[in-house]
Amino acid sequence: MSYYSMYYGVKHSAFVDAGVFDGQIGQDVNMHINPLLLRNCEEPEFKNAYDEFLNYFHRIIILAKLVKEFSTKDRCFKQILKLFQFKEIHNTGLGYSKYGTHGTGISGALSYQLAKNAVEIVRLGIEDPAIFTLLPIFEEGIGADRISDMTITILKKNFIAYSVRVAQELGLETASFWTEAKTKLVNLPVYKKQFIFLIPAAILSNLPMASDPSEVDEVSAYNRNLRTIICEAIGLSVREFVVMGKKNLRATLLSDVDRLNGILQNVAGTRFVPYDFSADRGLVYLPIFVKEKYILPNELHLPVADENNILDIVSRICERFKELIENNRMSTMLFYKGEAQNESFVQRLFYFLAVSYCEANDIDINRESDPGCGEIDFKFSNGAHKKVIIEIKLSSNKKQIHGLRTQLPIYMETEKAQDGILMIVRMSPKDDKLIERVIEEHNSIPECITKPKLLVIDGVPRPSASKA
């Protein structure tokens, strides 16, 4: 996992301070461009970008008034069809692509659908180009990922100018590329002989993980904001909105032009908020933050892994995690605005720490594999035979003893793992009695092959030395 900052040898904080999205090399991150955020973007290359975005669709509205038939024989319809064709955009670092950074183009039947619907919308008397910012809400096949690619295509010169300036200011490695018109050469950040689009953080919304691809649009922050406005306007609950589906929703919206114009006015008057990278509730920057703040300043020199020392290596990684939390103020990351983070966050925090050490020591680490008896938090292995299973539980989890007595031993037996470690992270003094019971339970287990090791980590933040 390598971020732009790591790849180009620049501090992550330099990207953050410059307001630039620090994407991952060769892999997409669950973020997308919200075109409505262009209205408040203060980057010089994007001062008038929202107007330029709307002007693109204003051309479609003008053409739509002249269309006589939905056919390529109709010159105006053919031009609209062409305007709704967008190539795949590579190397933006945005979206849901699991392997690689290929965008999602628009062509063929989808382009025809968009062109036809655009003409029908204009024929109803809707001439506000902002209607096209609602596409992810009522157009089948158009989601936040395609809106990102569409926005970059329409404003390509803006993104190129921004990337040129930022690359120079941050001192990134660049290569010369011709602009599309081939009128001049520009210096852009490069990866595998292709240029990378740099994106202002101020125009990004997050795409929380969806359990199913069909849920992607519903979890998009951009779509949630639009959904709220539309639900209030037409008296729908969120559930009713989701059940209705895009096709029926479009028919409902277009059945009342006055109400639709009212929705567009509400959208125009609503201030959309970009993803807050400083709070980073979606953990977009957690791996690079952990690496720069905790891993690099606290090197862990481990021996070369072999079948005889993998438990020792994994134990040392766990002890380093404990040390960073208890003595290096990593405990502050376990809480947000005074509230404890959930177990999944703590597991991810450990994973990003562990994976950095494992990569350097030829150890495989798998997170949440499912051997058929439930999901394992972590499995460390060296070769096919030596394995260590780790289970992490917060002290607030009432199933700690079950994890020790039943869950972890079953995982160990199923995976044929020689060793297991139960890590308990203490999150509050009120959990101390339960932790004591777990320790007593662990001590009562006879020494045997399947007896897990127990590691208790004090995650309650301590006052700094100046305040102690």
Protein backbone atom coordinates (compact mmCIF):
# COMPACT_ATOMS: atom_id res chain seq x y z
CA MET A 1 0.00 0.00 0.00
CA SER A 2 1.74 3.16 -1.20
CA TYR A 3 0.33 6.67 -1.15
CA TYR A 4 1.35 9.39 -3.59
CA SER A 5 3.39 11.03 -0.82
CA MET A 6 5.30 7.81 -0.12
CA TYR A 7 5.84 7.07 -3.81
CA TYR A 8 7.22 10.54 -4.55
CA GLY A 9 9.20 10.80 -1.31
CA VAL A 10 7.19 13.70 0.08
CA LYS A 11 5.67 13.96 3.55
CA HIS A 12 2.00 13.11 3.78
CA SER A 13 1.52 16.31 5.79
CA ALA A 14 2.73 18.30 2.76
CA PHE A 15 -0.21 16.97 0.72
CA VAL A 16 -2.64 17.64 3.57
CA ASP A 17 -1.35 21.17 4.16
CA ALA A 18 -1.62 21.92 0.42
CA GLY A 19 -5.21 20.65 0.35
CA VAL A 20 -4.33 17.91 -2.13
CA PHE A 21 -5.85 14.43 -2.01
CA ASP A 22 -3.10 11.95 -1.14
CA GLY A 23 -4.32 8.96 -3.16
CA GLN A 24 -2.89 5.46 -3.34
CA ILE A 25 -0.61 4.36 -6.14
CA GLY A 26 -2.18 1.67 -8.32
CA GLN A 27 -5.34 1.37 -6.21
CA ASP A 28 -8.55 3.35 -5.84
CA VAL A 29 -9.72 4.83 -2.55
CA ASN A 30 -13.40 5.09 -1.61
CA MET A 31 -13.78 8.76 -2.49
CA HIS A 32 -15.50 10.58 -5.34
CA ILE A 33 -15.84 14.07 -6.79
CA ASN A 34 -18.99 15.93 -5.84
CA PRO A 35 -19.56 18.51 -8.63
CA LEU A 36 -21.69 20.63 -6.27
CA LEU A 37 -18.56 21.20 -4.17
CA LEU A 38 -17.02 23.01 -7.13
CA ARG A 39 -19.18 25.99 -6.17
CA ASN A 40 -17.02 26.71 -3.11
CA CYS A 41 -13.62 25.45 -4.29
CA GLU A 42 -11.05 28.20 -3.81
CA GLU A 43 -8.21 26.64 -5.77
CA PRO A 44 -7.35 29.17 -8.54
CA GLU A 45 -7.77 26.57 -11.31
CA PHE A 46 -11.34 25.91 -10.15
CA LYS A 47 -12.65 29.43 -9.49
CA ASN A 48 -15.18 29.25 -12.31
CA ALA A 49 -15.25 25.48 -12.67
CA TYR A 50 -18.85 25.00 -11.58
CA ASP A 51 -20.08 27.44 -14.23
CA GLU A 52 -17.95 25.60 -16.82
CA PHE A 53 -19.46 22.30 -15.66
CA LEU A 54 -22.99 23.67 -16.08
CA ASN A 55 -22.15 25.27 -19.43
CA TYR A 56 -21.32 21.82 -20.78
CA PHE A 57 -24.87 20.69 -20.05
CA HIS A 58 -26.32 24.01 -21.19
CA ARG A 59 -25.12 23.05 -24.66
CA ILE A 60 -27.13 19.84 -24.35
CA ILE A 61 -30.25 21.80 -23.37
CA ILE A 62 -29.93 24.05 -26.43
CA LEU A 63 -29.55 21.02 -28.71
CA ALA A 64 -32.41 19.16 -27.01
CA LYS A 65 -34.86 21.89 -28.03
CA LEU A 66 -34.08 21.14 -31.68
CA VAL A 67 -34.33 17.34 -31.57
CA LYS A 68 -37.10 15.85 -33.69
CA GLU A 69 -36.39 12.12 -33.27
CA PHE A 70 -34.31 9.88 -31.03
CA SER A 71 -32.03 8.69 -33.79
CA THR A 72 -28.50 9.30 -35.00
CA LYS A 73 -30.14 10.47 -38.21
CA ASP A 74 -31.17 13.52 -36.23
CA ARG A 75 -28.09 15.76 -36.23
CA CYS A 76 -28.88 17.44 -32.91
CA PHE A 77 -29.63 14.15 -31.14
CA LYS A 78 -26.39 12.73 -32.54
CA GLN A 79 -24.47 15.65 -31.04
CA ILE A 80 -26.16 15.14 -27.65
CA LEU A 81 -25.25 11.46 -27.85
CA LYS A 82 -21.63 12.42 -28.44
CA LEU A 83 -21.68 14.84 -25.48
CA PHE A 84 -22.83 11.98 -23.25
CA GLN A 85 -19.92 9.76 -24.21
CA PHE A 86 -17.07 9.77 -21.72
CA LYS A 87 -13.89 7.72 -21.86
CA GLU A 88 -12.51 5.82 -18.89
CA ILE A 89 -10.31 7.99 -16.69
CA HIS A 90 -7.16 6.36 -15.33
CA ASN A 91 -5.04 7.22 -12.29
CA THR A 92 -7.40 9.42 -10.31
CA GLY A 93 -7.16 7.28 -7.17
CA LEU A 94 -10.94 7.54 -6.70
CA GLY A 95 -13.76 5.00 -6.70
CA TYR A 96 -14.49 1.38 -5.86
CA SER A 97 -12.04 -0.34 -8.19
CA LYS A 98 -10.47 -3.09 -6.08
CA TYR A 99 -7.56 -3.82 -8.37
CA GLY A 100 -6.05 -0.93 -10.27
CA THR A 101 -7.24 2.58 -11.00
CA HIS A 102 -9.38 2.29 -14.11
CA GLY A 103 -12.31 4.65 -14.29
CA THR A 104 -15.78 3.89 -15.58
CA GLY A 105 -16.60 5.22 -19.03
CA ILE A 106 -19.99 6.05 -20.52
CA SER A 107 -20.94 4.89 -24.01
CA GLY A 108 -23.36 2.76 -26.02
CA ALA A 109 -26.80 2.11 -24.53
CA LEU A 110 -26.06 4.22 -21.44
CA SER A 111 -25.17 7.25 -23.58
CA TYR A 112 -28.39 6.76 -25.57
CA GLN A 113 -30.43 6.52 -22.35
CA LEU A 114 -28.92 9.76 -21.02
CA ALA A 115 -29.42 11.59 -24.32
CA LYS A 116 -33.06 10.49 -24.63
CA ASN A 117 -33.87 11.38 -21.03
CA ALA A 118 -32.18 14.78 -21.43
CA VAL A 119 -34.42 15.61 -24.36
CA GLU A 120 -37.51 14.49 -22.46
CA ILE A 121 -36.54 16.63 -19.47
CA VAL A 122 -36.13 19.71 -21.65
CA ARG A 123 -39.46 19.04 -23.36
CA LEU A 124 -41.09 19.21 -19.93
CA GLY A 125 -39.80 22.75 -19.58
CA ILE A 126 -36.75 22.09 -17.38
CA GLU A 127 -33.91 24.25 -18.68
CA ASP A 128 -31.73 24.48 -15.59
CA PRO A 129 -28.46 22.63 -16.34
CA ALA A 130 -28.16 21.89 -12.61
CA ILE A 131 -30.67 19.08 -13.27
CA PHE A 132 -27.68 17.06 -14.44
CA THR A 133 -26.11 17.19 -10.97
CA LEU A 134 -29.01 14.93 -9.94
CA LEU A 135 -28.04 12.17 -12.38
CA PRO A 136 -26.81 9.72 -9.68
CA ILE A 137 -30.24 9.95 -8.04
CA PHE A 138 -32.52 9.10 -10.95
CA GLU A 139 -30.43 7.68 -13.82
CA GLU A 140 -29.82 3.93 -13.97
CA GLY A 141 -26.14 3.14 -14.45
CA ILE A 142 -24.92 6.52 -13.18
CA GLY A 143 -23.30 6.47 -9.78
CA ALA A 144 -20.81 8.58 -7.92
CA ASP A 145 -17.86 6.88 -9.66
CA ARG A 146 -19.13 7.82 -13.12
CA ILE A 147 -19.91 11.37 -11.95
CA SER A 148 -16.25 11.67 -10.90
CA ASP A 149 -15.04 10.59 -14.34
CA MET A 150 -17.61 12.81 -16.05
CA THR A 151 -16.49 15.83 -14.01
CA ILE A 152 -12.81 15.24 -14.75
CA THR A 153 -13.53 14.83 -18.47
CA ILE A 154 -15.57 18.05 -18.66
CA LEU A 155 -13.00 20.00 -16.62
CA LYS A 156 -9.90 18.21 -17.85
CA LYS A 157 -7.95 21.41 -18.50
CA ASN A 158 -8.67 22.57 -14.93
CA PHE A 159 -7.43 19.32 -13.41
CA ILE A 160 -4.34 19.33 -15.61
CA ALA A 161 -3.50 22.93 -14.69
CA TYR A 162 -4.02 22.11 -11.01
CA SER A 163 -1.86 18.97 -11.25
CA VAL A 164 0.94 20.89 -12.99
CA ARG A 165 1.02 23.60 -10.33
CA VAL A 166 0.74 21.30 -7.32
CA ALA A 167 3.33 18.85 -8.66
CA GLN A 168 5.79 21.72 -9.00
CA GLU A 169 5.02 23.14 -5.55
CA LEU A 170 5.38 19.75 -3.84
CA GLY A 171 8.44 18.77 -5.85
CA LEU A 172 6.91 15.62 -7.33
CA GLU A 173 8.60 13.64 -10.09
CA THR A 174 7.01 14.60 -13.40
CA ALA A 175 7.20 13.81 -17.11
CA SER A 176 6.17 15.82 -20.15
CA PHE A 177 2.82 15.06 -21.78
CA TRP A 178 1.01 16.67 -24.67
CA THR A 179 -2.34 18.24 -23.94
CA GLU A 180 -5.27 16.65 -25.78
CA ALA A 181 -5.17 19.39 -28.40
CA LYS A 182 -1.43 18.68 -28.76
CA THR A 183 -0.74 22.40 -28.59
CA LYS A 184 1.77 22.30 -25.72
CA LEU A 185 3.70 20.04 -23.39
CA VAL A 186 2.87 20.04 -19.68
CA ASN A 187 4.75 18.48 -16.76
CA LEU A 188 2.54 16.10 -14.79
CA PRO A 189 3.21 13.61 -12.00
CA VAL A 190 3.89 10.25 -13.56
CA TYR A 191 3.37 6.59 -12.64
CA LYS A 192 4.21 3.76 -15.06
CA LYS A 193 4.49 6.20 -17.97
CA GLN A 194 0.98 7.56 -17.36
CA PHE A 195 0.20 10.87 -15.73
CA ILE A 196 -1.72 11.13 -12.48
CA PHE A 197 -4.58 13.54 -11.92
CA LEU A 198 -4.16 15.36 -8.62
CA ILE A 199 -7.48 16.24 -7.00
CA PRO A 200 -8.31 19.07 -4.57
CA ALA A 201 -9.51 17.60 -1.28
CA ALA A 202 -12.14 20.36 -1.14
CA ILE A 203 -14.26 18.75 -3.89
CA LEU A 204 -14.31 15.20 -2.52
CA SER A 205 -17.04 13.23 -0.76
CA ASN A 206 -16.57 9.79 0.72
CA LEU A 207 -17.87 6.44 -0.46
CA PRO A 208 -18.22 4.30 2.68
CA MET A 209 -17.83 0.59 2.09
CA ALA A 210 -20.96 -1.12 0.77
CA SER A 211 -21.62 -4.78 1.43
CA ASP A 212 -23.07 -5.12 -2.06
CA PRO A 213 -22.29 -3.21 -5.31
CA SER A 214 -25.97 -2.26 -5.60
CA GLU A 215 -25.65 -0.31 -2.34
CA VAL A 216 -22.84 1.95 -3.56
CA ASP A 217 -25.08 4.84 -4.60
CA GLU A 218 -27.00 4.73 -1.35
CA VAL A 219 -23.91 5.10 0.85
CA SER A 220 -22.38 7.92 -1.20
CA ALA A 221 -22.29 11.14 0.84
CA TYR A 222 -23.20 13.09 -2.30
CA ASN A 223 -26.28 10.96 -2.88
CA ARG A 224 -27.32 11.06 0.77
CA ASN A 225 -27.40 14.86 0.68
CA LEU A 226 -29.48 14.91 -2.51
CA ARG A 227 -31.72 12.17 -1.15
CA THR A 228 -32.51 14.24 1.95
CA ILE A 229 -33.54 17.24 -0.16
CA ILE A 230 -35.72 15.13 -2.46
CA CYS A 231 -37.35 13.13 0.36
CA GLU A 232 -38.37 16.35 2.10
CA ALA A 233 -39.76 17.76 -1.15
CA ILE A 234 -41.93 14.80 -2.12
CA GLY A 235 -42.71 13.40 1.33
CA LEU A 236 -40.81 10.12 1.14
CA SER A 237 -39.10 8.24 3.94
CA VAL A 238 -35.55 7.04 3.27
CA ARG A 239 -36.82 3.46 3.01
CA GLU A 240 -39.51 4.45 0.51
CA PHE A 241 -36.92 6.36 -1.49
CA VAL A 242 -34.62 3.32 -1.71
CA VAL A 243 -37.44 0.90 -2.53
CA MET A 244 -38.80 3.18 -5.26
CA GLY A 245 -35.76 2.72 -7.49
CA LYS A 246 -34.29 5.19 -9.94
CA LYS A 247 -36.73 4.60 -12.78
CA ASN A 248 -39.83 5.19 -10.65
CA LEU A 249 -38.19 8.11 -8.88
CA ARG A 250 -37.43 9.79 -12.21
CA ALA A 251 -41.06 9.37 -13.28
CA THR A 252 -42.25 10.83 -9.96
CA LEU A 253 -39.91 13.82 -10.16
CA LEU A 254 -40.73 14.59 -13.78
CA SER A 255 -44.48 14.35 -13.17
CA ASP A 256 -44.44 17.67 -11.33
CA VAL A 257 -42.25 20.29 -12.99
CA ASP A 258 -42.94 22.96 -10.35
CA ARG A 259 -41.86 20.61 -7.57
CA LEU A 260 -38.74 19.62 -9.50
CA ASN A 261 -37.83 23.29 -9.97
CA GLY A 262 -38.31 23.71 -6.23
CA ILE A 263 -35.90 20.82 -5.60
CA LEU A 264 -33.34 22.46 -7.89
CA GLN A 265 -33.70 25.71 -5.93
CA ASN A 266 -33.13 23.82 -2.68
CA VAL A 267 -30.04 22.16 -4.15
CA ALA A 268 -28.78 25.58 -5.26
CA GLY A 269 -29.30 26.94 -1.74
CA THR A 270 -27.73 24.02 0.10
CA ARG A 271 -24.09 24.21 1.09
CA PHE A 272 -22.50 20.81 0.54
CA VAL A 273 -19.61 19.91 2.82
CA PRO A 274 -16.52 18.03 1.59
CA TYR A 275 -15.08 15.03 3.36
CA ASP A 276 -13.29 16.10 6.54
CA PHE A 277 -9.79 14.71 6.10
CA SER A 278 -8.70 16.17 9.45
CA ALA A 279 -11.20 13.99 11.34
CA ASP A 280 -10.90 11.21 8.70
CA ARG A 281 -13.81 9.16 10.02
CA GLY A 282 -13.59 6.95 6.92
CA LEU A 283 -9.95 6.12 7.76
CA VAL A 284 -8.77 7.10 4.28
CA TYR A 285 -5.39 8.28 5.59
CA LEU A 286 -5.02 5.95 8.56
CA PRO A 287 -2.27 3.74 7.01
CA ILE A 288 -0.02 6.63 5.97
CA PHE A 289 -0.69 8.54 9.20
CA VAL A 290 0.27 5.52 11.31
CA LYS A 291 3.37 4.92 9.19
CA GLU A 292 4.67 8.51 9.43
CA LYS A 293 3.72 9.21 13.05
CA TYR A 294 4.41 5.87 14.72
CA ILE A 295 6.21 3.31 12.53
CA LEU A 296 9.03 5.32 10.96
CA PRO A 297 10.06 7.04 14.24
CA ASN A 298 9.87 3.69 16.07
CA GLU A 299 11.71 1.18 13.91
CA LEU A 300 11.37 -2.46 14.82
CA HIS A 301 14.33 -4.60 13.79
CA LEU A 302 13.15 -8.15 13.36
CA PRO A 303 15.09 -11.29 12.42
CA VAL A 304 14.47 -13.07 9.13
CA ALA A 305 11.33 -15.14 9.55
CA ASP A 306 11.49 -18.92 9.55
CA GLU A 307 9.38 -21.75 10.91
CA ASN A 308 11.05 -21.55 14.33
CA ASN A 309 10.66 -17.87 15.15
CA ILE A 310 7.37 -16.64 13.67
CA LEU A 311 5.66 -16.62 17.09
CA ASP A 312 8.52 -14.56 18.51
CA ILE A 313 8.26 -12.08 15.62
CA VAL A 314 4.47 -11.76 15.88
CA SER A 315 4.75 -11.38 19.66
CA ARG A 316 7.26 -8.57 19.22
CA ILE A 317 4.90 -6.81 16.79
CA CYS A 318 2.11 -7.13 19.36
CA GLU A 319 4.38 -5.81 22.10
CA ARG A 320 5.31 -2.86 19.90
CA PHE A 321 1.60 -2.14 19.41
CA LYS A 322 1.19 -2.22 23.19
CA GLU A 323 4.19 0.07 23.70
CA LEU A 324 2.96 2.63 21.15
CA ILE A 325 -0.48 2.77 22.73
CA GLU A 326 0.69 2.89 26.34
CA ASN A 327 3.87 4.97 26.05
CA ASN A 328 3.78 6.83 22.71
CA ARG A 329 0.29 8.35 22.92
CA MET A 330 -1.22 6.18 20.19
CA SER A 331 -4.00 5.74 22.75
CA THR A 332 -5.36 9.14 21.69
CA MET A 333 -6.32 7.55 18.36
CA LEU A 334 -8.60 5.08 20.15
CA PHE A 335 -11.01 7.88 21.00
CA TYR A 336 -12.85 10.45 18.90
CA LYS A 337 -14.36 13.50 20.62
CA GLY A 338 -14.23 11.63 23.91
CA GLU A 339 -16.02 8.54 22.58
CA ALA A 340 -14.27 5.19 22.22
CA GLN A 341 -13.66 3.98 18.68
CA ASN A 342 -15.23 0.65 17.77
CA GLU A 343 -13.45 -2.70 17.68
CA SER A 344 -13.10 -2.61 13.90
CA PHE A 345 -11.11 0.63 14.11
CA VAL A 346 -8.67 -0.84 16.64
CA GLN A 347 -8.26 -3.94 14.49
CA ARG A 348 -7.50 -1.81 11.44
CA LEU A 349 -5.04 0.27 13.45
CA PHE A 350 -3.17 -2.89 14.44
CA TYR A 351 -3.33 -4.21 10.88
CA PHE A 352 -1.71 -1.13 9.35
CA LEU A 353 1.03 -1.27 11.95
CA ALA A 354 1.60 -5.01 11.58
CA VAL A 355 1.52 -5.09 7.79
CA SER A 356 4.40 -2.60 7.58
CA TYR A 357 6.60 -4.83 9.72
CA CYS A 358 5.45 -8.02 8.01
CA GLU A 359 6.20 -6.76 4.50
CA ALA A 360 9.79 -6.18 5.51
CA ASN A 361 10.10 -9.66 7.01
CA ASP A 362 8.45 -11.94 4.44
CA ILE A 363 5.50 -12.75 6.67
CA ASP A 364 2.01 -13.12 5.23
CA ILE A 365 -0.76 -11.40 7.15
CA ASN A 366 -4.40 -11.97 6.32
CA ARG A 367 -7.20 -9.99 7.89
CA GLU A 368 -10.63 -11.48 8.56
CA SER A 369 -10.21 -14.67 6.59
CA ASP A 370 -13.10 -17.11 6.98
CA PRO A 371 -12.10 -20.78 7.40
CA GLY A 372 -15.73 -21.84 7.78
CA CYS A 373 -16.09 -21.29 11.52
CA GLY A 374 -16.38 -17.50 11.48
CA GLU A 375 -14.10 -14.61 10.68
CA ILE A 376 -10.58 -14.58 12.06
CA ASP A 377 -9.24 -11.12 12.96
CA PHE A 378 -5.66 -11.88 11.81
CA LYS A 379 -3.66 -14.84 10.58
CA PHE A 380 0.12 -14.61 10.35
CA SER A 381 2.00 -17.30 8.45
CA ASN A 382 5.43 -18.19 7.15
CA GLY A 383 5.15 -20.97 4.61
CA ALA A 384 2.31 -23.48 4.76
CA HIS A 385 2.89 -24.85 8.25
CA LYS A 386 3.72 -22.16 10.81
CA LYS A 387 0.71 -19.97 11.65
CA VAL A 388 -0.28 -17.59 14.42
CA ILE A 389 -3.89 -16.48 14.93
CA ILE A 390 -4.68 -13.17 16.64
CA GLU A 391 -8.03 -12.06 18.03
CA ILE A 392 -8.49 -8.46 19.22
CA LYS A 393 -11.28 -7.48 21.59
CA LEU A 394 -12.04 -4.24 23.39
CA SER A 395 -12.50 -4.46 27.15
CA SER A 396 -16.14 -3.43 26.63
CA ASN A 397 -16.78 -6.63 24.66
CA LYS A 398 -18.60 -9.07 26.94
CA LYS A 399 -17.38 -12.06 24.90
CA GLN A 400 -13.75 -11.90 26.01
CA ILE A 401 -13.87 -15.18 27.96
CA HIS A 402 -15.71 -16.86 25.09
CA GLY A 403 -12.97 -15.63 22.78
CA LEU A 404 -10.31 -17.05 25.06
CA ARG A 405 -11.96 -20.38 25.87
CA THR A 406 -13.80 -21.20 22.66
CA GLN A 407 -13.45 -18.84 19.71
CA LEU A 408 -9.68 -18.61 19.42
CA PRO A 409 -8.97 -22.32 20.09
CA ILE A 410 -11.50 -23.27 17.37
CA TYR A 411 -9.82 -20.90 14.91
CA MET A 412 -6.42 -22.36 15.81
CA GLU A 413 -7.62 -25.93 15.34
CA THR A 414 -9.39 -25.15 12.05
CA GLU A 415 -6.39 -23.32 10.60
CA LYS A 416 -3.94 -25.85 12.07
CA ALA A 417 -2.21 -22.91 13.74
CA GLN A 418 0.39 -23.68 16.38
CA ASP A 419 -0.18 -20.47 18.35
CA GLY A 420 -2.85 -17.90 19.11
CA ILE A 421 -2.88 -14.53 20.86
CA LEU A 422 -5.87 -12.81 22.42
CA MET A 423 -5.30 -9.07 22.71
CA ILE A 424 -7.61 -7.14 25.02
CA VAL A 425 -7.51 -3.36 24.75
CA ARG A 426 -8.60 -1.64 27.97
CA MET A 427 -10.86 1.26 27.05
CA SER A 428 -12.29 2.25 30.45
CA PRO A 429 -11.57 1.65 34.16
CA LYS A 430 -15.14 0.37 34.49
CA ASP A 431 -14.09 -2.72 32.51
CA ASP A 432 -11.33 -3.69 34.96
CA LYS A 433 -13.32 -6.38 36.79
CA LEU A 434 -14.07 -8.17 33.53
CA ILE A 435 -10.41 -7.96 32.51
CA GLU A 436 -9.43 -9.47 35.87
CA ARG A 437 -11.85 -12.35 35.27
CA VAL A 438 -10.29 -12.96 31.83
CA ILE A 439 -6.80 -13.03 33.35
CA GLU A 440 -7.96 -15.47 36.04
CA GLU A 441 -9.62 -17.62 33.38
CA HIS A 442 -6.44 -17.61 31.31
CA ASN A 443 -4.37 -18.66 34.34
CA SER A 444 -6.76 -21.54 35.00
CA ILE A 445 -6.31 -23.04 31.53
CA PRO A 446 -3.77 -25.87 31.66
CA GLU A 447 -0.71 -25.52 29.51
CA CYS A 448 -1.46 -27.25 26.23
CA ILE A 449 -0.95 -26.84 22.51
CA THR A 450 -4.15 -24.85 22.02
CA LYS A 451 -3.78 -22.49 25.02
CA PRO A 452 -3.73 -18.96 23.57
CA LYS A 453 -1.42 -16.29 24.89
CA LEU A 454 -3.04 -13.26 26.52
CA LEU A 455 -1.91 -9.67 26.07
CA VAL A 456 -3.70 -6.82 27.85
CA ILE A 457 -3.09 -3.32 26.48
CA ASP A 458 -4.04 -0.21 28.45
CA GLY A 459 -5.74 2.01 25.89
CA VAL A 460 -6.95 4.67 28.34
CA PRO A 461 -5.04 7.87 27.42
CA ARG A 462 -2.63 9.08 30.06
CA PRO A 463 -2.06 12.78 30.69
CA SER A 464 1.01 14.19 28.96
CA ALA A 465 4.15 14.72 31.06
CA SER A 466 3.48 18.48 31.17
CA LYS A 467 0.02 17.92 32.68
CA ALA A 468 0.77 14.97 34.94
